[in-house]
């Protein structure tokens, strides 16, 4: 296993360990509780944030477990794309 693979796996494990487990009504996520993966793909998808994870100190919401899994494969890139799209729709 390469060092990059080990780092990627470690990041995913850390993210899963930090995944939120609070009730949806208690969770306030980034981006107005919209699905981060959807935002990264240029779409809006409001969620109740029942599927969420904490990444770099921020609670992120997902529309499904599949969306969260997709995010985990490349979190930094998808988070950047989500920020860019979300910022553009706020103007």
PDB file of N, CA and C in Angstrom:
ATOM      1  N   UNK A   1       0.849  -1.170   0.000  1.00  0.00           N
ATOM      2  CA  UNK A   1       0.000   0.000   0.000  1.00  0.00           C
ATOM      3  C   UNK A   1       0.896   1.235   0.000  1.00  0.00           C
ATOM      4  N   UNK A   2       0.579   2.205  -0.851  1.00  0.00           N
ATOM      5  CA  UNK A   2       1.388   3.411  -0.927  1.00  0.00           C
ATOM      6  C   UNK A   2       1.088   4.329   0.243  1.00  0.00           C
ATOM      7  N   UNK A   3       2.009   5.256   0.458  1.00  0.00           N
ATOM      8  CA  UNK A   3       1.831   6.224   1.544  1.00  0.00           C
ATOM      9  C   UNK A   3       0.580   7.073   1.301  1.00  0.00           C
ATOM     10  N   UNK A   4       0.345   7.450   0.041  1.00  0.00           N
ATOM     11  CA  UNK A   4      -0.848   8.241  -0.304  1.00  0.00           C
ATOM     12  C   UNK A   4      -2.119   7.470   0.018  1.00  0.00           C
ATOM     13  N   UNK A   5      -2.133   6.165  -0.278  1.00  0.00           N
ATOM     14  CA  UNK A   5      -3.299   5.334   0.031  1.00  0.00           C
ATOM     15  C   UNK A   5      -3.531   5.269   1.531  1.00  0.00           C
ATOM     16  N   UNK A   6      -2.443   5.116   2.270  1.00  0.00           N
ATOM     17  CA  UNK A   6      -2.560   5.053   3.729  1.00  0.00           C
ATOM     18  C   UNK A   6      -3.125   6.354   4.279  1.00  0.00           C
ATOM     19  N   UNK A   7      -2.653   7.491   3.744  1.00  0.00           N
ATOM     20  CA  UNK A   7      -3.157   8.787   4.200  1.00  0.00           C
ATOM     21  C   UNK A   7      -4.629   8.949   3.852  1.00  0.00           C
ATOM     22  N   UNK A   8      -5.008   8.499   2.650  1.00  0.00           N
ATOM     23  CA  UNK A   8      -6.415   8.582   2.238  1.00  0.00           C
ATOM     24  C   UNK A   8      -7.306   7.749   3.134  1.00  0.00           C
ATOM     25  N   UNK A   9      -6.876   6.549   3.433  1.00  0.00           N
ATOM     26  CA  UNK A   9      -7.652   5.674   4.315  1.00  0.00           C
ATOM     27  C   UNK A   9      -7.740   6.267   5.707  1.00  0.00           C
ATOM     28  N   UNK A  10      -6.631   6.823   6.197  1.00  0.00           N
ATOM     29  CA  UNK A  10      -6.636   7.438   7.529  1.00  0.00           C
ATOM     30  C   UNK A  10      -7.612   8.607   7.581  1.00  0.00           C
ATOM     31  N   UNK A  11      -7.673   9.400   6.515  1.00  0.00           N
ATOM     32  CA  UNK A  11      -8.610  10.528   6.463  1.00  0.00           C
ATOM     33  C   UNK A  11     -10.053  10.048   6.497  1.00  0.00           C
ATOM     34  N   UNK A  12     -10.345   9.003   5.747  1.00  0.00           N
ATOM     35  CA  UNK A  12     -11.700   8.465   5.705  1.00  0.00           C
ATOM     36  C   UNK A  12     -12.092   7.905   7.068  1.00  0.00           C
ATOM     37  N   UNK A  13     -11.185   7.174   7.689  1.00  0.00           N
ATOM     38  CA  UNK A  13     -11.468   6.613   9.013  1.00  0.00           C
ATOM     39  C   UNK A  13     -11.715   7.732  10.012  1.00  0.00           C
ATOM     40  N   UNK A  14     -10.871   8.774   9.977  1.00  0.00           N
ATOM     41  CA  UNK A  14     -11.054   9.896  10.903  1.00  0.00           C
ATOM     42  C   UNK A  14     -12.394  10.566  10.674  1.00  0.00           C
ATOM     43  N   UNK A  15     -12.778  10.740   9.426  1.00  0.00           N
ATOM     44  CA  UNK A  15     -14.056  11.368   9.116  1.00  0.00           C
ATOM     45  C   UNK A  15     -15.211  10.511   9.604  1.00  0.00           C
ATOM     46  N   UNK A  16     -15.128   9.208   9.413  1.00  0.00           N
ATOM     47  CA  UNK A  16     -16.191   8.325   9.866  1.00  0.00           C
ATOM     48  C   UNK A  16     -16.302   8.334  11.385  1.00  0.00           C
ATOM     49  N   UNK A  17     -15.187   8.381  12.071  1.00  0.00           N
ATOM     50  CA  UNK A  17     -15.200   8.420  13.526  1.00  0.00           C
ATOM     51  C   UNK A  17     -15.872   9.693  14.009  1.00  0.00           C
ATOM     52  N   UNK A  18     -15.663  10.771  13.264  1.00  0.00           N
ATOM     53  CA  UNK A  18     -16.224  12.056  13.662  1.00  0.00           C
ATOM     54  C   UNK A  18     -17.631  12.289  13.128  1.00  0.00           C
ATOM     55  N   UNK A  19     -18.195  11.319  12.427  1.00  0.00           N
ATOM     56  CA  UNK A  19     -19.532  11.481  11.857  1.00  0.00           C
ATOM     57  C   UNK A  19     -20.544  11.811  12.933  1.00  0.00           C
ATOM     58  N   UNK A  20     -21.423  12.729  12.603  1.00  0.00           N
ATOM     59  CA  UNK A  20     -22.424  13.147  13.563  1.00  0.00           C
ATOM     60  C   UNK A  20     -23.442  12.069  13.840  1.00  0.00           C
ATOM     61  N   UNK A  21     -23.919  12.043  15.067  1.00  0.00           N
ATOM     62  CA  UNK A  21     -24.959  11.081  15.418  1.00  0.00           C
ATOM     63  C   UNK A  21     -26.104  11.758  16.151  1.00  0.00           C
ATOM     64  N   UNK A  22     -26.095  13.082  16.192  1.00  0.00           N
ATOM     65  CA  UNK A  22     -27.159  13.813  16.872  1.00  0.00           C
ATOM     66  C   UNK A  22     -28.433  13.748  16.040  1.00  0.00           C
ATOM     67  N   UNK A  23     -29.547  13.962  16.680  1.00  0.00           N
ATOM     68  CA  UNK A  23     -30.834  13.986  15.972  1.00  0.00           C
ATOM     69  C   UNK A  23     -30.819  15.097  14.943  1.00  0.00           C
ATOM     70  N   UNK A  24     -31.517  14.899  13.840  1.00  0.00           N
ATOM     71  CA  UNK A  24     -31.506  15.845  12.732  1.00  0.00           C
ATOM     72  C   UNK A  24     -31.913  17.245  13.157  1.00  0.00           C
ATOM     73  N   UNK A  25     -32.880  17.375  14.046  1.00  0.00           N
ATOM     74  CA  UNK A  25     -33.336  18.699  14.428  1.00  0.00           C
ATOM     75  C   UNK A  25     -32.294  19.458  15.237  1.00  0.00           C
ATOM     76  N   UNK A  26     -31.301  18.778  15.752  1.00  0.00           N
ATOM     77  CA  UNK A  26     -30.248  19.414  16.532  1.00  0.00           C
ATOM     78  C   UNK A  26     -29.063  19.833  15.676  1.00  0.00           C
ATOM     79  N   UNK A  27     -28.972  19.336  14.462  1.00  0.00           N
ATOM     80  CA  UNK A  27     -27.791  19.561  13.636  1.00  0.00           C
ATOM     81  C   UNK A  27     -27.976  20.787  12.757  1.00  0.00           C
ATOM     82  N   UNK A  28     -27.002  21.681  12.810  1.00  0.00           N
ATOM     83  CA  UNK A  28     -26.947  22.818  11.909  1.00  0.00           C
ATOM     84  C   UNK A  28     -25.678  22.663  11.102  1.00  0.00           C
ATOM     85  N   UNK A  29     -25.830  22.380   9.832  1.00  0.00           N
ATOM     86  CA  UNK A  29     -24.680  22.160   8.979  1.00  0.00           C
ATOM     87  C   UNK A  29     -24.312  23.377   8.157  1.00  0.00           C
ATOM     88  N   UNK A  30     -23.160  23.262   7.543  1.00  0.00           N
ATOM     89  CA  UNK A  30     -22.694  24.291   6.620  1.00  0.00           C
ATOM     90  C   UNK A  30     -23.629  24.362   5.413  1.00  0.00           C
ATOM     91  N   UNK A  31     -23.544  25.416   4.674  1.00  0.00           N
ATOM     92  CA  UNK A  31     -24.293  25.594   3.422  1.00  0.00           C
ATOM     93  C   UNK A  31     -25.805  25.501   3.633  1.00  0.00           C
ATOM     94  N   UNK A  32     -26.296  25.955   4.779  1.00  0.00           N
ATOM     95  CA  UNK A  32     -27.739  25.943   5.017  1.00  0.00           C
ATOM     96  C   UNK A  32     -28.340  24.554   4.995  1.00  0.00           C
ATOM     97  N   UNK A  33     -27.586  23.567   5.434  1.00  0.00           N
ATOM     98  CA  UNK A  33     -28.005  22.160   5.482  1.00  0.00           C
ATOM     99  C   UNK A  33     -28.230  21.542   4.103  1.00  0.00           C
ATOM    100  N   UNK A  34     -27.649  22.134   3.059  1.00  0.00           N
ATOM    101  CA  UNK A  34     -27.752  21.523   1.735  1.00  0.00           C
ATOM    102  C   UNK A  34     -26.710  20.419   1.604  1.00  0.00           C
ATOM    103  N   UNK A  35     -26.987  19.455   0.762  1.00  0.00           N
ATOM    104  CA  UNK A  35     -26.072  18.331   0.532  1.00  0.00           C
ATOM    105  C   UNK A  35     -24.780  18.839  -0.113  1.00  0.00           C
ATOM    106  N   UNK A  36     -23.670  18.613   0.566  1.00  0.00           N
ATOM    107  CA  UNK A  36     -22.375  19.089   0.086  1.00  0.00           C
ATOM    108  C   UNK A  36     -22.001  18.446  -1.248  1.00  0.00           C
ATOM    109  N   UNK A  37     -22.259  17.178  -1.400  1.00  0.00           N
ATOM    110  CA  UNK A  37     -21.918  16.486  -2.642  1.00  0.00           C
ATOM    111  C   UNK A  37     -22.731  17.059  -3.802  1.00  0.00           C
ATOM    112  N   UNK A  38     -23.995  17.317  -3.585  1.00  0.00           N
ATOM    113  CA  UNK A  38     -24.821  17.908  -4.642  1.00  0.00           C
ATOM    114  C   UNK A  38     -24.304  19.288  -5.025  1.00  0.00           C
ATOM    115  N   UNK A  39     -23.952  20.100  -4.023  1.00  0.00           N
ATOM    116  CA  UNK A  39     -23.403  21.426  -4.309  1.00  0.00           C
ATOM    117  C   UNK A  39     -22.125  21.318  -5.139  1.00  0.00           C
ATOM    118  N   UNK A  40     -21.278  20.353  -4.807  1.00  0.00           N
ATOM    119  CA  UNK A  40     -20.036  20.165  -5.551  1.00  0.00           C
ATOM    120  C   UNK A  40     -20.305  19.799  -7.006  1.00  0.00           C
ATOM    121  N   UNK A  41     -21.454  19.187  -7.261  1.00  0.00           N
ATOM    122  CA  UNK A  41     -21.844  18.805  -8.620  1.00  0.00           C
ATOM    123  C   UNK A  41     -22.690  19.874  -9.302  1.00  0.00           C
ATOM    124  N   UNK A  42     -22.825  21.045  -8.641  1.00  0.00           N
ATOM    125  CA  UNK A  42     -23.549  22.162  -9.245  1.00  0.00           C
ATOM    126  C   UNK A  42     -25.049  22.112  -9.086  1.00  0.00           C
ATOM    127  N   UNK A  43     -25.524  21.410  -8.055  1.00  0.00           N
ATOM    128  CA  UNK A  43     -26.965  21.293  -7.799  1.00  0.00           C
ATOM    129  C   UNK A  43     -27.259  21.603  -6.340  1.00  0.00           C
ATOM    130  N   UNK A  44     -28.470  22.033  -6.087  1.00  0.00           N
ATOM    131  CA  UNK A  44     -28.899  22.229  -4.705  1.00  0.00           C
ATOM    132  C   UNK A  44     -29.782  21.061  -4.291  1.00  0.00           C
ATOM    133  N   UNK A  45     -29.628  20.644  -3.036  1.00  0.00           N
ATOM    134  CA  UNK A  45     -30.433  19.556  -2.507  1.00  0.00           C
ATOM    135  C   UNK A  45     -30.549  19.762  -0.995  1.00  0.00           C
ATOM    136  N   UNK A  46     -31.662  20.375  -0.554  1.00  0.00           N
ATOM    137  CA  UNK A  46     -31.856  20.594   0.882  1.00  0.00           C
ATOM    138  C   UNK A  46     -31.959  19.268   1.627  1.00  0.00           C
ATOM    139  N   UNK A  47     -31.417  19.222   2.826  1.00  0.00           N
ATOM    140  CA  UNK A  47     -31.478  18.012   3.644  1.00  0.00           C
ATOM    141  C   UNK A  47     -31.961  18.348   5.046  1.00  0.00           C
ATOM    142  N   UNK A  48     -32.300  17.315   5.789  1.00  0.00           N
ATOM    143  CA  UNK A  48     -32.591  17.515   7.217  1.00  0.00           C
ATOM    144  C   UNK A  48     -31.328  17.294   8.049  1.00  0.00           C
ATOM    145  N   UNK A  49     -30.227  17.019   7.378  1.00  0.00           N
ATOM    146  CA  UNK A  49     -28.904  16.821   7.969  1.00  0.00           C
ATOM    147  C   UNK A  49     -28.841  15.597   8.877  1.00  0.00           C
ATOM    148  N   UNK A  50     -29.742  14.644   8.661  1.00  0.00           N
ATOM    149  CA  UNK A  50     -29.683  13.417   9.451  1.00  0.00           C
ATOM    150  C   UNK A  50     -28.495  12.555   9.023  1.00  0.00           C
ATOM    151  N   UNK A  51     -28.040  12.726   7.780  1.00  0.00           N
ATOM    152  CA  UNK A  51     -26.802  12.093   7.330  1.00  0.00           C
ATOM    153  C   UNK A  51     -25.772  13.213   7.300  1.00  0.00           C
ATOM    154  N   UNK A  52     -24.802  13.139   8.194  1.00  0.00           N
ATOM    155  CA  UNK A  52     -23.840  14.218   8.309  1.00  0.00           C
ATOM    156  C   UNK A  52     -22.486  13.699   8.731  1.00  0.00           C
ATOM    157  N   UNK A  53     -21.505  14.566   8.652  1.00  0.00           N
ATOM    158  CA  UNK A  53     -20.145  14.251   9.098  1.00  0.00           C
ATOM    159  C   UNK A  53     -19.474  15.558   9.487  1.00  0.00           C
ATOM    160  N   UNK A  54     -18.529  15.462  10.387  1.00  0.00           N
ATOM    161  CA  UNK A  54     -17.719  16.617  10.751  1.00  0.00           C
ATOM    162  C   UNK A  54     -16.393  16.479  10.022  1.00  0.00           C
ATOM    163  N   UNK A  55     -16.061  17.489   9.244  1.00  0.00           N
ATOM    164  CA  UNK A  55     -14.817  17.488   8.490  1.00  0.00           C
ATOM    165  C   UNK A  55     -14.137  18.829   8.689  1.00  0.00           C
ATOM    166  N   UNK A  56     -12.911  18.798   9.182  1.00  0.00           N
ATOM    167  CA  UNK A  56     -12.146  20.009   9.468  1.00  0.00           C
ATOM    168  C   UNK A  56     -12.938  20.968  10.354  1.00  0.00           C
ATOM    169  N   UNK A  57     -13.624  20.398  11.328  1.00  0.00           N
ATOM    170  CA  UNK A  57     -14.345  21.196  12.307  1.00  0.00           C
ATOM    171  C   UNK A  57     -15.708  21.710  11.868  1.00  0.00           C
ATOM    172  N   UNK A  58     -16.152  21.365  10.694  1.00  0.00           N
ATOM    173  CA  UNK A  58     -17.441  21.838  10.169  1.00  0.00           C
ATOM    174  C   UNK A  58     -18.382  20.663   9.983  1.00  0.00           C
ATOM    175  N   UNK A  59     -19.643  20.851  10.352  1.00  0.00           N
ATOM    176  CA  UNK A  59     -20.655  19.823  10.127  1.00  0.00           C
ATOM    177  C   UNK A  59     -21.157  19.943   8.702  1.00  0.00           C
ATOM    178  N   UNK A  60     -21.057  18.849   7.977  1.00  0.00           N
ATOM    179  CA  UNK A  60     -21.499  18.807   6.584  1.00  0.00           C
ATOM    180  C   UNK A  60     -22.688  17.868   6.473  1.00  0.00           C
ATOM    181  N   UNK A  61     -23.670  18.251   5.693  1.00  0.00           N
ATOM    182  CA  UNK A  61     -24.892  17.465   5.521  1.00  0.00           C
ATOM    183  C   UNK A  61     -24.875  16.774   4.155  1.00  0.00           C
ATOM    184  N   UNK A  62     -25.533  15.628   4.118  1.00  0.00           N
ATOM    185  CA  UNK A  62     -25.609  14.846   2.884  1.00  0.00           C
ATOM    186  C   UNK A  62     -27.033  14.373   2.673  1.00  0.00           C
ATOM    187  N   UNK A  63     -27.423  14.236   1.420  1.00  0.00           N
ATOM    188  CA  UNK A  63     -28.759  13.773   1.088  1.00  0.00           C
ATOM    189  C   UNK A  63     -28.944  12.280   1.267  1.00  0.00           C
ATOM    190  N   UNK A  64     -27.838  11.550   1.330  1.00  0.00           N
ATOM    191  CA  UNK A  64     -27.903  10.097   1.484  1.00  0.00           C
ATOM    192  C   UNK A  64     -26.540   9.576   1.923  1.00  0.00           C
ATOM    193  N   UNK A  65     -26.517   8.306   2.323  1.00  0.00           N
ATOM    194  CA  UNK A  65     -25.251   7.659   2.667  1.00  0.00           C
ATOM    195  C   UNK A  65     -24.354   7.587   1.433  1.00  0.00           C
ATOM    196  N   UNK A  66     -24.947   7.355   0.270  1.00  0.00           N
ATOM    197  CA  UNK A  66     -24.178   7.276  -0.974  1.00  0.00           C
ATOM    198  C   UNK A  66     -23.474   8.607  -1.256  1.00  0.00           C
ATOM    199  N   UNK A  67     -24.160   9.721  -1.007  1.00  0.00           N
ATOM    200  CA  UNK A  67     -23.546  11.038  -1.194  1.00  0.00           C
ATOM    201  C   UNK A  67     -22.369  11.224  -0.245  1.00  0.00           C
ATOM    202  N   UNK A  68     -22.538  10.773   0.988  1.00  0.00           N
ATOM    203  CA  UNK A  68     -21.442  10.893   1.955  1.00  0.00           C
ATOM    204  C   UNK A  68     -20.256  10.024   1.523  1.00  0.00           C
ATOM    205  N   UNK A  69     -20.526   8.808   1.047  1.00  0.00           N
ATOM    206  CA  UNK A  69     -19.460   7.918   0.571  1.00  0.00           C
ATOM    207  C   UNK A  69     -18.704   8.544  -0.596  1.00  0.00           C
ATOM    208  N   UNK A  70     -19.432   9.155  -1.523  1.00  0.00           N
ATOM    209  CA  UNK A  70     -18.801   9.818  -2.660  1.00  0.00           C
ATOM    210  C   UNK A  70     -17.911  10.957  -2.175  1.00  0.00           C
ATOM    211  N   UNK A  71     -18.401  11.729  -1.221  1.00  0.00           N
ATOM    212  CA  UNK A  71     -17.626  12.830  -0.653  1.00  0.00           C
ATOM    213  C   UNK A  71     -16.330  12.319  -0.029  1.00  0.00           C
ATOM    214  N   UNK A  72     -16.406  11.202   0.679  1.00  0.00           N
ATOM    215  CA  UNK A  72     -15.245  10.656   1.373  1.00  0.00           C
ATOM    216  C   UNK A  72     -14.110  10.255   0.436  1.00  0.00           C
ATOM    217  N   UNK A  73     -14.430  10.021  -0.812  1.00  0.00           N
ATOM    218  CA  UNK A  73     -13.396   9.620  -1.772  1.00  0.00           C
ATOM    219  C   UNK A  73     -12.469  10.775  -2.121  1.00  0.00           C
ATOM    220  N   UNK A  74     -12.951  12.005  -2.023  1.00  0.00           N
ATOM    221  CA  UNK A  74     -12.135  13.171  -2.362  1.00  0.00           C
ATOM    222  C   UNK A  74     -12.689  14.405  -1.650  1.00  0.00           C
ATOM    223  N   UNK A  75     -12.626  14.439  -0.332  1.00  0.00           N
ATOM    224  CA  UNK A  75     -13.305  15.494   0.423  1.00  0.00           C
ATOM    225  C   UNK A  75     -12.806  16.909   0.151  1.00  0.00           C
ATOM    226  N   UNK A  76     -11.505  17.108   0.033  1.00  0.00           N
ATOM    227  CA  UNK A  76     -11.005  18.466  -0.157  1.00  0.00           C
ATOM    228  C   UNK A  76     -11.458  19.068  -1.485  1.00  0.00           C
ATOM    229  N   UNK A  77     -11.380  18.284  -2.547  1.00  0.00           N
ATOM    230  CA  UNK A  77     -11.799  18.781  -3.857  1.00  0.00           C
ATOM    231  C   UNK A  77     -13.305  19.064  -3.886  1.00  0.00           C
ATOM    232  N   UNK A  78     -14.100  18.140  -3.367  1.00  0.00           N
ATOM    233  CA  UNK A  78     -15.549  18.336  -3.390  1.00  0.00           C
ATOM    234  C   UNK A  78     -15.977  19.491  -2.486  1.00  0.00           C
ATOM    235  N   UNK A  79     -15.308  19.665  -1.372  1.00  0.00           N
ATOM    236  CA  UNK A  79     -15.638  20.777  -0.483  1.00  0.00           C
ATOM    237  C   UNK A  79     -15.326  22.112  -1.160  1.00  0.00           C
ATOM    238  N   UNK A  80     -14.212  22.194  -1.852  1.00  0.00           N
ATOM    239  CA  UNK A  80     -13.869  23.413  -2.587  1.00  0.00           C
ATOM    240  C   UNK A  80     -14.917  23.710  -3.654  1.00  0.00           C
ATOM    241  N   UNK A  81     -15.292  22.689  -4.417  1.00  0.00           N
ATOM    242  CA  UNK A  81     -16.308  22.880  -5.458  1.00  0.00           C
ATOM    243  C   UNK A  81     -17.645  23.301  -4.846  1.00  0.00           C
ATOM    244  N   UNK A  82     -18.000  22.720  -3.703  1.00  0.00           N
ATOM    245  CA  UNK A  82     -19.250  23.099  -3.024  1.00  0.00           C
ATOM    246  C   UNK A  82     -19.205  24.561  -2.597  1.00  0.00           C
ATOM    247  N   UNK A  83     -18.077  24.997  -2.040  1.00  0.00           N
ATOM    248  CA  UNK A  83     -17.915  26.406  -1.635  1.00  0.00           C
ATOM    249  C   UNK A  83     -18.087  27.334  -2.826  1.00  0.00           C
ATOM    250  N   UNK A  84     -17.453  26.993  -3.937  1.00  0.00           N
ATOM    251  CA  UNK A  84     -17.530  27.835  -5.123  1.00  0.00           C
ATOM    252  C   UNK A  84     -18.964  27.938  -5.631  1.00  0.00           C
ATOM    253  N   UNK A  85     -19.644  26.808  -5.765  1.00  0.00           N
ATOM    254  CA  UNK A  85     -21.020  26.837  -6.270  1.00  0.00           C
ATOM    255  C   UNK A  85     -21.948  27.544  -5.287  1.00  0.00           C
ATOM    256  N   UNK A  86     -21.833  27.248  -4.006  1.00  0.00           N
ATOM    257  CA  UNK A  86     -22.706  27.858  -3.004  1.00  0.00           C
ATOM    258  C   UNK A  86     -22.512  29.369  -2.977  1.00  0.00           C
ATOM    259  N   UNK A  87     -21.267  29.817  -3.061  1.00  0.00           N
ATOM    260  CA  UNK A  87     -20.978  31.256  -3.076  1.00  0.00           C
ATOM    261  C   UNK A  87     -21.577  31.920  -4.298  1.00  0.00           C
ATOM    262  N   UNK A  88     -21.516  31.258  -5.446  1.00  0.00           N
ATOM    263  CA  UNK A  88     -22.050  31.846  -6.675  1.00  0.00           C
ATOM    264  C   UNK A  88     -23.559  32.010  -6.616  1.00  0.00           C
ATOM    265  N   UNK A  89     -24.252  31.103  -5.952  1.00  0.00           N
ATOM    266  CA  UNK A  89     -25.718  31.218  -5.893  1.00  0.00           C
ATOM    267  C   UNK A  89     -26.168  32.189  -4.810  1.00  0.00           C
ATOM    268  N   UNK A  90     -25.259  32.594  -3.931  1.00  0.00           N
ATOM    269  CA  UNK A  90     -25.597  33.552  -2.880  1.00  0.00           C
ATOM    270  C   UNK A  90     -25.589  34.985  -3.390  1.00  0.00           C
ATOM    271  N   UNK A  91     -24.930  35.227  -4.525  1.00  0.00           N
ATOM    272  CA  UNK A  91     -24.811  36.584  -5.057  1.00  0.00           C
ATOM    273  C   UNK A  91     -26.022  37.035  -5.800  1.00  0.00           C
TER     274      UNK A  91
END
